[in-house]
Amino acid sequence: MMCCLFFYSLVDYILLDPEERKRLFIESLPIPYPNFVIRAPVPWHTTRKKAYEFCKQYLFTIGPIPLALQKIWCTEYVEGI
C-alpha cells in the first residue's frame, strides 16, 4: 500500500512540475478520465424519499441512537409520569 502511494506521489510530482517534465521530455499531460456512474432510475426512489422525509419530520427515529433513546425513555421514565 505504501509503495503504491509512493509511486503515485512520484508520478504526480513529475507530471505537475514543469521543470521535471522538461527534463524528462514530457510535452503533454494525459487528460484525466472523469469519474461518473450511469445508472437507470429506480421506480421506488420517489416513494422511499417521501417515506424517509415523513419519518424524519414526524417520527424522529431514523437511526439506531434515537431508537435506543426512545426505548430507554419508554422503559424507564414514562412509568413514573
Protein backbone atom coordinates (compact mmCIF):
# COMPACT_ATOMS: atom_id res chain seq x y z
CA MET A 1 0.00 0.00 0.00
CA MET A 2 2.68 2.50 0.98
CA CYS A 3 4.74 1.51 -2.05
CA CYS A 4 1.85 2.34 -4.39
CA LEU A 5 1.28 5.67 -2.67
CA PHE A 6 4.95 6.50 -3.06
CA PHE A 7 4.83 5.79 -6.79
CA TYR A 8 1.64 7.81 -7.22
CA SER A 9 3.17 10.78 -5.44
CA LEU A 10 6.36 10.47 -7.51
CA VAL A 11 4.39 10.44 -10.77
CA ASP A 12 2.31 13.40 -9.57
CA TYR A 13 5.48 15.29 -8.73
CA ILE A 14 6.96 14.64 -12.17
CA LEU A 15 3.78 15.48 -14.07
CA LEU A 16 2.95 18.62 -12.10
CA ASP A 17 6.42 20.17 -12.06
CA PRO A 18 7.20 21.97 -15.36
CA GLU A 19 10.97 21.65 -14.86
CA GLU A 20 10.76 17.88 -14.34
CA ARG A 21 8.52 17.49 -17.38
CA LYS A 22 11.01 19.48 -19.44
CA ARG A 23 13.94 17.43 -18.11
CA LEU A 24 12.20 14.14 -18.98
CA PHE A 25 10.93 15.40 -22.36
CA ILE A 26 7.26 15.08 -21.41
CA GLU A 27 5.46 17.56 -23.65
CA SER A 28 1.80 16.90 -22.90
CA LEU A 29 -0.17 15.61 -19.94
CA PRO A 30 -2.81 12.92 -20.18
CA ILE A 31 -6.38 14.12 -19.90
CA PRO A 32 -7.89 12.84 -16.64
CA TYR A 33 -10.78 10.47 -17.17
CA PRO A 34 -13.92 11.76 -15.42
CA ASN A 35 -15.40 9.65 -12.66
CA PHE A 36 -19.10 9.19 -13.16
CA VAL A 37 -21.65 6.46 -12.78
CA ILE A 38 -24.58 6.00 -15.11
CA ARG A 39 -27.48 4.07 -13.68
CA ALA A 40 -31.07 3.67 -14.62
CA PRO A 41 -33.71 5.35 -12.47
CA VAL A 42 -35.21 3.04 -9.90
CA PRO A 43 -39.01 3.07 -9.69
CA TRP A 44 -39.11 3.07 -5.87
CA HIS A 45 -36.82 6.07 -5.37
CA THR A 46 -39.54 8.72 -5.02
CA THR A 47 -41.62 6.53 -2.71
CA ARG A 48 -38.63 5.85 -0.49
CA LYS A 49 -37.67 9.53 -0.42
CA LYS A 50 -41.20 10.58 0.60
CA ALA A 51 -41.28 7.94 3.35
CA TYR A 52 -37.84 8.97 4.60
CA GLU A 53 -38.83 12.65 4.75
CA PHE A 54 -42.05 11.77 6.58
CA CYS A 55 -40.16 9.70 9.15
CA LYS A 56 -37.53 12.39 9.58
CA GLN A 57 -40.14 15.07 10.17
CA TYR A 58 -42.68 13.23 12.31
CA LEU A 59 -41.12 10.15 13.93
CA PHE A 60 -37.63 11.37 14.93
CA THR A 61 -36.32 7.78 14.97
CA ILE A 62 -34.22 7.47 11.84
CA GLY A 63 -31.02 5.99 13.27
CA PRO A 64 -30.11 3.43 15.92
CA ILE A 65 -29.28 6.01 18.61
CA PRO A 66 -32.69 7.73 18.60
CA LEU A 67 -34.32 4.29 18.67
CA ALA A 68 -32.22 3.33 21.70
CA LEU A 69 -33.06 6.62 23.44
CA GLN A 70 -36.76 6.10 22.73
CA LYS A 71 -36.58 2.58 24.18
CA ILE A 72 -34.84 3.86 27.33
CA TRP A 73 -37.41 6.65 27.68
CA CYS A 74 -40.35 4.27 27.28
CA THR A 75 -39.00 1.65 29.69
CA GLU A 76 -37.60 3.83 32.48
CA TYR A 77 -39.13 7.29 32.54
CA VAL A 78 -42.69 7.04 31.20
CA GLU A 79 -43.82 4.74 34.02
CA GLY A 80 -43.39 7.50 36.61
CA ILE A 81 -45.49 10.04 34.73
